[in-house]
Amino acid sequence: MPIYEYISEHPEDPERSCTVCRRVFELRRPVDRAPLERCLVCKNPVRKVISRVNVPEITKPLSVSDAKAAGFTVLEKRDKGVYEKL
């Protein structure tokens, strides 16, 4: 199940948000369910926040031998529209 992040529609107004929805909170929900519309604690409106995606960083470019070891076919351009397999 994916993790979704929500925050209050009015995080700076203590009358319209609680301590839970005043800051961003996470909730695990099935993909086929509609987005949460109200805070589970105070029942005030909340909105879904677009969060960062966790993507691993590649520290160095892959070499030809690394690409081949990973199962890729490596081609090099020789002429216009002509590629040679390395």
PDB file of N, CA and C in Angstrom:
ATOM      1  N   MET A   1       0.836  -1.174   0.000  1.00  0.00           N
ATOM      2  CA  MET A   1       0.000   0.000   0.000  1.00  0.00           C
ATOM      3  C   MET A   1       0.886   1.244   0.000  1.00  0.00           C
ATOM      4  N   PRO A   2       0.538   2.233  -0.809  1.00  0.00           N
ATOM      5  CA  PRO A   2       1.327   3.464  -0.828  1.00  0.00           C
ATOM      6  C   PRO A   2       1.072   4.312   0.408  1.00  0.00           C
ATOM      7  N   ILE A   3       2.023   5.181   0.686  1.00  0.00           N
ATOM      8  CA  ILE A   3       1.892   6.116   1.803  1.00  0.00           C
ATOM      9  C   ILE A   3       1.583   7.492   1.224  1.00  0.00           C
ATOM     10  N   TYR A   4       0.483   8.085   1.687  1.00  0.00           N
ATOM     11  CA  TYR A   4       0.079   9.413   1.242  1.00  0.00           C
ATOM     12  C   TYR A   4       0.304  10.401   2.372  1.00  0.00           C
ATOM     13  N   GLU A   5       0.608  11.653   2.022  1.00  0.00           N
ATOM     14  CA  GLU A   5       0.809  12.708   3.013  1.00  0.00           C
ATOM     15  C   GLU A   5      -0.320  13.725   2.888  1.00  0.00           C
ATOM     16  N   TYR A   6      -0.813  14.156   4.040  1.00  0.00           N
ATOM     17  CA  TYR A   6      -1.907  15.122   4.096  1.00  0.00           C
ATOM     18  C   TYR A   6      -1.552  16.241   5.056  1.00  0.00           C
ATOM     19  N   ILE A   7      -2.181  17.410   4.856  1.00  0.00           N
ATOM     20  CA  ILE A   7      -2.032  18.548   5.753  1.00  0.00           C
ATOM     21  C   ILE A   7      -3.355  19.308   5.774  1.00  0.00           C
ATOM     22  N   SER A   8      -3.583  20.049   6.829  1.00  0.00           N
ATOM     23  CA  SER A   8      -4.806  20.822   6.977  1.00  0.00           C
ATOM     24  C   SER A   8      -4.908  21.881   5.885  1.00  0.00           C
ATOM     25  N   GLU A   9      -6.134  22.208   5.504  1.00  0.00           N
ATOM     26  CA  GLU A   9      -6.356  23.300   4.549  1.00  0.00           C
ATOM     27  C   GLU A   9      -5.927  24.638   5.162  1.00  0.00           C
ATOM     28  N   HIS A  10      -5.997  24.744   6.492  1.00  0.00           N
ATOM     29  CA  HIS A  10      -5.649  25.983   7.203  1.00  0.00           C
ATOM     30  C   HIS A  10      -4.707  25.655   8.358  1.00  0.00           C
ATOM     31  N   PRO A  11      -3.439  25.322   8.077  1.00  0.00           N
ATOM     32  CA  PRO A  11      -2.535  24.886   9.149  1.00  0.00           C
ATOM     33  C   PRO A  11      -2.191  25.969  10.168  1.00  0.00           C
ATOM     34  N   GLU A  12      -2.313  27.238   9.789  1.00  0.00           N
ATOM     35  CA  GLU A  12      -1.954  28.298  10.732  1.00  0.00           C
ATOM     36  C   GLU A  12      -3.112  28.707  11.639  1.00  0.00           C
ATOM     37  N   ASP A  13      -4.323  28.222  11.383  1.00  0.00           N
ATOM     38  CA  ASP A  13      -5.499  28.575  12.177  1.00  0.00           C
ATOM     39  C   ASP A  13      -5.801  27.458  13.181  1.00  0.00           C
ATOM     40  N   PRO A  14      -5.563  27.685  14.485  1.00  0.00           N
ATOM     41  CA  PRO A  14      -5.793  26.624  15.472  1.00  0.00           C
ATOM     42  C   PRO A  14      -7.258  26.232  15.622  1.00  0.00           C
ATOM     43  N   GLU A  15      -8.178  27.110  15.214  1.00  0.00           N
ATOM     44  CA  GLU A  15      -9.607  26.799  15.284  1.00  0.00           C
ATOM     45  C   GLU A  15     -10.026  25.812  14.193  1.00  0.00           C
ATOM     46  N   ARG A  16      -9.272  25.777  13.082  1.00  0.00           N
ATOM     47  CA  ARG A  16      -9.649  24.946  11.943  1.00  0.00           C
ATOM     48  C   ARG A  16      -8.671  23.802  11.689  1.00  0.00           C
ATOM     49  N   SER A  17      -7.804  23.519  12.672  1.00  0.00           N
ATOM     50  CA  SER A  17      -6.875  22.398  12.546  1.00  0.00           C
ATOM     51  C   SER A  17      -6.478  21.914  13.934  1.00  0.00           C
ATOM     52  N   CYS A  18      -6.096  20.660  14.014  1.00  0.00           N
ATOM     53  CA  CYS A  18      -5.653  20.091  15.290  1.00  0.00           C
ATOM     54  C   CYS A  18      -4.135  19.875  15.241  1.00  0.00           C
ATOM     55  N   THR A  19      -3.563  19.329  16.304  1.00  0.00           N
ATOM     56  CA  THR A  19      -2.116  19.115  16.334  1.00  0.00           C
ATOM     57  C   THR A  19      -1.674  18.061  15.323  1.00  0.00           C
ATOM     58  N   VAL A  20      -2.576  17.189  14.914  1.00  0.00           N
ATOM     59  CA  VAL A  20      -2.238  16.154  13.931  1.00  0.00           C
ATOM     60  C   VAL A  20      -2.170  16.740  12.527  1.00  0.00           C
ATOM     61  N   CYS A  21      -3.221  17.425  12.107  1.00  0.00           N
ATOM     62  CA  CYS A  21      -3.273  17.906  10.722  1.00  0.00           C
ATOM     63  C   CYS A  21      -2.593  19.259  10.521  1.00  0.00           C
ATOM     64  N   ARG A  22      -2.178  19.909  11.604  1.00  0.00           N
ATOM     65  CA  ARG A  22      -1.473  21.187  11.479  1.00  0.00           C
ATOM     66  C   ARG A  22      -0.116  20.990  10.812  1.00  0.00           C
ATOM     67  N   ARG A  23       0.493  19.842  11.049  1.00  0.00           N
ATOM     68  CA  ARG A  23       1.723  19.497  10.348  1.00  0.00           C
ATOM     69  C   ARG A  23       1.411  18.325   9.421  1.00  0.00           C
ATOM     70  N   VAL A  24       2.288  18.020   8.516  1.00  0.00           N
ATOM     71  CA  VAL A  24       2.060  16.951   7.537  1.00  0.00           C
ATOM     72  C   VAL A  24       2.016  15.619   8.262  1.00  0.00           C
ATOM     73  N   PHE A  25       0.980  14.815   7.954  1.00  0.00           N
ATOM     74  CA  PHE A  25       0.911  13.474   8.525  1.00  0.00           C
ATOM     75  C   PHE A  25       0.782  12.455   7.401  1.00  0.00           C
ATOM     76  N   GLU A  26       1.274  11.244   7.666  1.00  0.00           N
ATOM     77  CA  GLU A  26       1.275  10.173   6.676  1.00  0.00           C
ATOM     78  C   GLU A  26       0.162   9.192   6.972  1.00  0.00           C
ATOM     79  N   LEU A  27      -0.366   8.608   5.886  1.00  0.00           N
ATOM     80  CA  LEU A  27      -1.435   7.634   6.024  1.00  0.00           C
ATOM     81  C   LEU A  27      -1.295   6.589   4.931  1.00  0.00           C
ATOM     82  N   ARG A  28      -1.337   5.323   5.303  1.00  0.00           N
ATOM     83  CA  ARG A  28      -1.289   4.243   4.321  1.00  0.00           C
ATOM     84  C   ARG A  28      -2.708   3.957   3.862  1.00  0.00           C
ATOM     85  N   ARG A  29      -2.926   4.061   2.546  1.00  0.00           N
ATOM     86  CA  ARG A  29      -4.260   3.824   1.986  1.00  0.00           C
ATOM     87  C   ARG A  29      -4.132   3.030   0.695  1.00  0.00           C
ATOM     88  N   PRO A  30      -5.103   2.174   0.405  1.00  0.00           N
ATOM     89  CA  PRO A  30      -5.093   1.465  -0.878  1.00  0.00           C
ATOM     90  C   PRO A  30      -5.198   2.450  -2.040  1.00  0.00           C
ATOM     91  N   VAL A  31      -4.653   2.068  -3.173  1.00  0.00           N
ATOM     92  CA  VAL A  31      -4.631   2.941  -4.345  1.00  0.00           C
ATOM     93  C   VAL A  31      -6.047   3.223  -4.844  1.00  0.00           C
ATOM     94  N   ASP A  32      -6.935   2.260  -4.738  1.00  0.00           N
ATOM     95  CA  ASP A  32      -8.278   2.420  -5.294  1.00  0.00           C
ATOM     96  C   ASP A  32      -9.215   3.262  -4.419  1.00  0.00           C
ATOM     97  N   ARG A  33      -8.775   3.666  -3.233  1.00  0.00           N
ATOM     98  CA  ARG A  33      -9.608   4.512  -2.386  1.00  0.00           C
ATOM     99  C   ARG A  33      -9.464   5.974  -2.765  1.00  0.00           C
ATOM    100  N   ALA A  34     -10.529   6.725  -2.558  1.00  0.00           N
ATOM    101  CA  ALA A  34     -10.512   8.171  -2.827  1.00  0.00           C
ATOM    102  C   ALA A  34      -9.603   8.862  -1.807  1.00  0.00           C
ATOM    103  N   PRO A  35      -9.021  10.019  -2.169  1.00  0.00           N
ATOM    104  CA  PRO A  35      -8.169  10.743  -1.217  1.00  0.00           C
ATOM    105  C   PRO A  35      -8.951  11.159   0.024  1.00  0.00           C
ATOM    106  N   LEU A  36      -8.261  11.212   1.139  1.00  0.00           N
ATOM    107  CA  LEU A  36      -8.860  11.640   2.399  1.00  0.00           C
ATOM    108  C   LEU A  36      -9.294  13.090   2.263  1.00  0.00           C
ATOM    109  N   GLU A  37     -10.491  13.419   2.742  1.00  0.00           N
ATOM    110  CA  GLU A  37     -10.996  14.787   2.639  1.00  0.00           C
ATOM    111  C   GLU A  37     -11.043  15.498   3.979  1.00  0.00           C
ATOM    112  N   ARG A  38     -11.145  14.725   5.063  1.00  0.00           N
ATOM    113  CA  ARG A  38     -11.240  15.313   6.399  1.00  0.00           C
ATOM    114  C   ARG A  38     -10.247  14.647   7.344  1.00  0.00           C
ATOM    115  N   CYS A  39      -9.749  15.419   8.288  1.00  0.00           N
ATOM    116  CA  CYS A  39      -8.831  14.902   9.305  1.00  0.00           C
ATOM    117  C   CYS A  39      -9.545  13.816  10.112  1.00  0.00           C
ATOM    118  N   LEU A  40      -8.817  12.762  10.452  1.00  0.00           N
ATOM    119  CA  LEU A  40      -9.404  11.668  11.212  1.00  0.00           C
ATOM    120  C   LEU A  40      -9.686  12.053  12.664  1.00  0.00           C
ATOM    121  N   VAL A  41      -9.018  13.090  13.176  1.00  0.00           N
ATOM    122  CA  VAL A  41      -9.179  13.493  14.563  1.00  0.00           C
ATOM    123  C   VAL A  41     -10.186  14.624  14.713  1.00  0.00           C
ATOM    124  N   CYS A  42      -9.970  15.739  14.002  1.00  0.00           N
ATOM    125  CA  CYS A  42     -10.802  16.933  14.205  1.00  0.00           C
ATOM    126  C   CYS A  42     -11.884  17.127  13.142  1.00  0.00           C
ATOM    127  N   LYS A  43     -11.870  16.324  12.099  1.00  0.00           N
ATOM    128  CA  LYS A  43     -12.868  16.351  11.015  1.00  0.00           C
ATOM    129  C   LYS A  43     -12.865  17.630  10.187  1.00  0.00           C
ATOM    130  N   ASN A  44     -11.781  18.410  10.261  1.00  0.00           N
ATOM    131  CA  ASN A  44     -11.641  19.594   9.414  1.00  0.00           C
ATOM    132  C   ASN A  44     -11.036  19.190   8.070  1.00  0.00           C
ATOM    133  N   PRO A  45     -11.227  20.002   7.013  1.00  0.00           N
ATOM    134  CA  PRO A  45     -10.728  19.635   5.678  1.00  0.00           C
ATOM    135  C   PRO A  45      -9.198  19.526   5.624  1.00  0.00           C
ATOM    136  N   VAL A  46      -8.733  18.507   4.902  1.00  0.00           N
ATOM    137  CA  VAL A  46      -7.306  18.314   4.650  1.00  0.00           C
ATOM    138  C   VAL A  46      -7.092  18.163   3.158  1.00  0.00           C
ATOM    139  N   ARG A  47      -5.841  18.355   2.728  1.00  0.00           N
ATOM    140  CA  ARG A  47      -5.515  18.171   1.315  1.00  0.00           C
ATOM    141  C   ARG A  47      -4.300  17.267   1.202  1.00  0.00           C
ATOM    142  N   LYS A  48      -4.211  16.554   0.090  1.00  0.00           N
ATOM    143  CA  LYS A  48      -3.092  15.664  -0.154  1.00  0.00           C
ATOM    144  C   LYS A  48      -1.898  16.496  -0.594  1.00  0.00           C
ATOM    145  N   VAL A  49      -0.715  16.152  -0.079  1.00  0.00           N
ATOM    146  CA  VAL A  49       0.526  16.859  -0.375  1.00  0.00           C
ATOM    147  C   VAL A  49       1.345  16.006  -1.334  1.00  0.00           C
ATOM    148  N   ILE A  50       1.913  16.634  -2.342  1.00  0.00           N
ATOM    149  CA  ILE A  50       2.812  15.926  -3.241  1.00  0.00           C
ATOM    150  C   ILE A  50       4.168  15.884  -2.557  1.00  0.00           C
ATOM    151  N   SER A  51       4.659  14.682  -2.327  1.00  0.00           N
ATOM    152  CA  SER A  51       5.902  14.530  -1.587  1.00  0.00           C
ATOM    153  C   SER A  51       7.033  14.110  -2.498  1.00  0.00           C
ATOM    154  N   ARG A  52       8.233  14.124  -1.946  1.00  0.00           N
ATOM    155  CA  ARG A  52       9.414  13.714  -2.701  1.00  0.00           C
ATOM    156  C   ARG A  52       9.371  12.231  -2.987  1.00  0.00           C
ATOM    157  N   VAL A  53       9.960  11.866  -4.070  1.00  0.00           N
ATOM    158  CA  VAL A  53      10.089  10.469  -4.437  1.00  0.00           C
ATOM    159  C   VAL A  53      11.487  10.019  -4.061  1.00  0.00           C
ATOM    160  N   ASN A  54      11.590   8.851  -3.461  1.00  0.00           N
ATOM    161  CA  ASN A  54      12.883   8.331  -3.053  1.00  0.00           C
ATOM    162  C   ASN A  54      13.532   7.625  -4.233  1.00  0.00           C
ATOM    163  N   VAL A  55      14.522   8.280  -4.833  1.00  0.00           N
ATOM    164  CA  VAL A  55      15.226   7.732  -5.987  1.00  0.00           C
ATOM    165  C   VAL A  55      16.699   7.585  -5.617  1.00  0.00           C
ATOM    166  N   PRO A  56      17.272   6.405  -5.815  1.00  0.00           N
ATOM    167  CA  PRO A  56      18.685   6.263  -5.482  1.00  0.00           C
ATOM    168  C   PRO A  56      19.558   7.107  -6.404  1.00  0.00           C
ATOM    169  N   GLU A  57      20.623   7.639  -5.856  1.00  0.00           N
ATOM    170  CA  GLU A  57      21.544   8.453  -6.643  1.00  0.00           C
ATOM    171  C   GLU A  57      22.604   7.560  -7.282  1.00  0.00           C
ATOM    172  N   ILE A  58      22.921   7.843  -8.521  1.00  0.00           N
ATOM    173  CA  ILE A  58      24.012   7.139  -9.198  1.00  0.00           C
ATOM    174  C   ILE A  58      25.239   8.032  -9.070  1.00  0.00           C
ATOM    175  N   THR A  59      26.256   7.511  -8.438  1.00  0.00           N
ATOM    176  CA  THR A  59      27.421   8.347  -8.154  1.00  0.00           C
ATOM    177  C   THR A  59      28.370   8.458  -9.337  1.00  0.00           C
ATOM    178  N   LYS A  60      28.364   7.455 -10.225  1.00  0.00           N
ATOM    179  CA  LYS A  60      29.259   7.505 -11.382  1.00  0.00           C
ATOM    180  C   LYS A  60      28.518   6.953 -12.594  1.00  0.00           C
ATOM    181  N   PRO A  61      28.857   7.398 -13.774  1.00  0.00           N
ATOM    182  CA  PRO A  61      28.206   6.847 -14.954  1.00  0.00           C
ATOM    183  C   PRO A  61      28.602   5.384 -15.151  1.00  0.00           C
ATOM    184  N   LEU A  62      27.687   4.620 -15.733  1.00  0.00           N
ATOM    185  CA  LEU A  62      27.968   3.209 -15.988  1.00  0.00           C
ATOM    186  C   LEU A  62      28.953   3.059 -17.136  1.00  0.00           C
ATOM    187  N   SER A  63      29.886   2.152 -16.989  1.00  0.00           N
ATOM    188  CA  SER A  63      30.822   1.870 -18.074  1.00  0.00           C
ATOM    189  C   SER A  63      30.199   0.825 -19.001  1.00  0.00           C
ATOM    190  N   VAL A  64      30.822   0.603 -20.132  1.00  0.00           N
ATOM    191  CA  VAL A  64      30.334  -0.385 -21.091  1.00  0.00           C
ATOM    192  C   VAL A  64      30.316  -1.767 -20.450  1.00  0.00           C
ATOM    193  N   SER A  65      31.353  -2.105 -19.711  1.00  0.00           N
ATOM    194  CA  SER A  65      31.406  -3.432 -19.078  1.00  0.00           C
ATOM    195  C   SER A  65      30.343  -3.569 -17.987  1.00  0.00           C
ATOM    196  N   ASP A  66      30.054  -2.476 -17.230  1.00  0.00           N
ATOM    197  CA  ASP A  66      28.993  -2.517 -16.220  1.00  0.00           C
ATOM    198  C   ASP A  66      27.633  -2.719 -16.875  1.00  0.00           C
ATOM    199  N   ALA A  67      27.401  -2.024 -17.997  1.00  0.00           N
ATOM    200  CA  ALA A  67      26.127  -2.154 -18.706  1.00  0.00           C
ATOM    201  C   ALA A  67      25.954  -3.569 -19.247  1.00  0.00           C
ATOM    202  N   LYS A  68      27.012  -4.134 -19.804  1.00  0.00           N
ATOM    203  CA  LYS A  68      26.940  -5.505 -20.315  1.00  0.00           C
ATOM    204  C   LYS A  68      26.699  -6.499 -19.184  1.00  0.00           C
ATOM    205  N   ALA A  69      27.364  -6.296 -18.042  1.00  0.00           N
ATOM    206  CA  ALA A  69      27.180  -7.185 -16.893  1.00  0.00           C
ATOM    207  C   ALA A  69      25.757  -7.117 -16.356  1.00  0.00           C
ATOM    208  N   ALA A  70      25.114  -5.962 -16.533  1.00  0.00           N
ATOM    209  CA  ALA A  70      23.729  -5.805 -16.085  1.00  0.00           C
ATOM    210  C   ALA A  70      22.731  -6.357 -17.096  1.00  0.00           C
ATOM    211  N   GLY A  71      23.212  -6.829 -18.254  1.00  0.00           N
ATOM    212  CA  GLY A  71      22.331  -7.443 -19.235  1.00  0.00           C
ATOM    213  C   GLY A  71      21.893  -6.534 -20.369  1.00  0.00           C
ATOM    214  N   PHE A  72      22.472  -5.343 -20.469  1.00  0.00           N
ATOM    215  CA  PHE A  72      22.104  -4.419 -21.536  1.00  0.00           C
ATOM    216  C   PHE A  72      22.944  -4.680 -22.787  1.00  0.00           C
ATOM    217  N   THR A  73      22.374  -4.377 -23.952  1.00  0.00           N
ATOM    218  CA  THR A  73      23.118  -4.404 -25.201  1.00  0.00           C
ATOM    219  C   THR A  73      23.649  -3.000 -25.445  1.00  0.00           C
ATOM    220  N   VAL A  74      24.940  -2.879 -25.654  1.00  0.00           N
ATOM    221  CA  VAL A  74      25.566  -1.574 -25.844  1.00  0.00           C
ATOM    222  C   VAL A  74      25.840  -1.372 -27.326  1.00  0.00           C
ATOM    223  N   LEU A  75      25.312  -0.263 -27.854  1.00  0.00           N
ATOM    224  CA  LEU A  75      25.496   0.080 -29.259  1.00  0.00           C
ATOM    225  C   LEU A  75      26.256   1.394 -29.363  1.00  0.00           C
ATOM    226  N   GLU A  76      27.048   1.532 -30.419  1.00  0.00           N
ATOM    227  CA  GLU A  76      27.780   2.773 -30.670  1.00  0.00           C
ATOM    228  C   GLU A  76      27.447   3.232 -32.081  1.00  0.00           C
ATOM    229  N   LYS A  77      27.164   4.526 -32.239  1.00  0.00           N
ATOM    230  CA  LYS A  77      26.802   5.072 -33.536  1.00  0.00           C
ATOM    231  C   LYS A  77      28.042   5.186 -34.420  1.00  0.00           C
ATOM    232  N   ARG A  78      27.970   4.611 -35.619  1.00  0.00           N
ATOM    233  CA  ARG A  78      29.096   4.657 -36.565  1.00  0.00           C
ATOM    234  C   ARG A  78      28.841   5.667 -37.687  1.00  0.00           C
ATOM    235  N   ASP A  79      27.710   5.559 -38.347  1.00  0.00           N
ATOM    236  CA  ASP A  79      27.319   6.481 -39.419  1.00  0.00           C
ATOM    237  C   ASP A  79      25.882   6.906 -39.159  1.00  0.00           C
ATOM    238  N   LYS A  80      25.360   7.703 -40.096  1.00  0.00           N
ATOM    239  CA  LYS A  80      23.985   8.159 -39.962  1.00  0.00           C
ATOM    240  C   LYS A  80      23.050   6.945 -40.032  1.00  0.00           C
ATOM    241  N   GLY A  81      22.402   6.637 -38.903  1.00  0.00           N
ATOM    242  CA  GLY A  81      21.470   5.522 -38.849  1.00  0.00           C
ATOM    243  C   GLY A  81      22.122   4.149 -38.737  1.00  0.00           C
ATOM    244  N   VAL A  82      23.446   4.082 -38.564  1.00  0.00           N
ATOM    245  CA  VAL A  82      24.145   2.807 -38.461  1.00  0.00           C
ATOM    246  C   VAL A  82      24.776   2.691 -37.086  1.00  0.00           C
ATOM    247  N   TYR A  83      24.424   1.624 -36.363  1.00  0.00           N
ATOM    248  CA  TYR A  83      24.958   1.376 -35.039  1.00  0.00           C
ATOM    249  C   TYR A  83      25.697   0.046 -35.040  1.00  0.00           C
ATOM    250  N   GLU A  84      26.737  -0.026 -34.238  1.00  0.00           N
ATOM    251  CA  GLU A  84      27.518  -1.260 -34.128  1.00  0.00           C
ATOM    252  C   GLU A  84      27.447  -1.764 -32.693  1.00  0.00           C
ATOM    253  N   LYS A  85      27.215  -3.052 -32.540  1.00  0.00           N
ATOM    254  CA  LYS A  85      27.165  -3.657 -31.221  1.00  0.00           C
ATOM    255  C   LYS A  85      28.582  -3.775 -30.657  1.00  0.00           C
ATOM    256  N   LEU A  86      28.784  -3.325 -29.421  1.00  0.00           N
ATOM    257  CA  LEU A  86      30.103  -3.407 -28.774  1.00  0.00           C
ATOM    258  C   LEU A  86      30.260  -4.698 -28.016  1.00  0.00           C
TER     259      LEU A  86
END
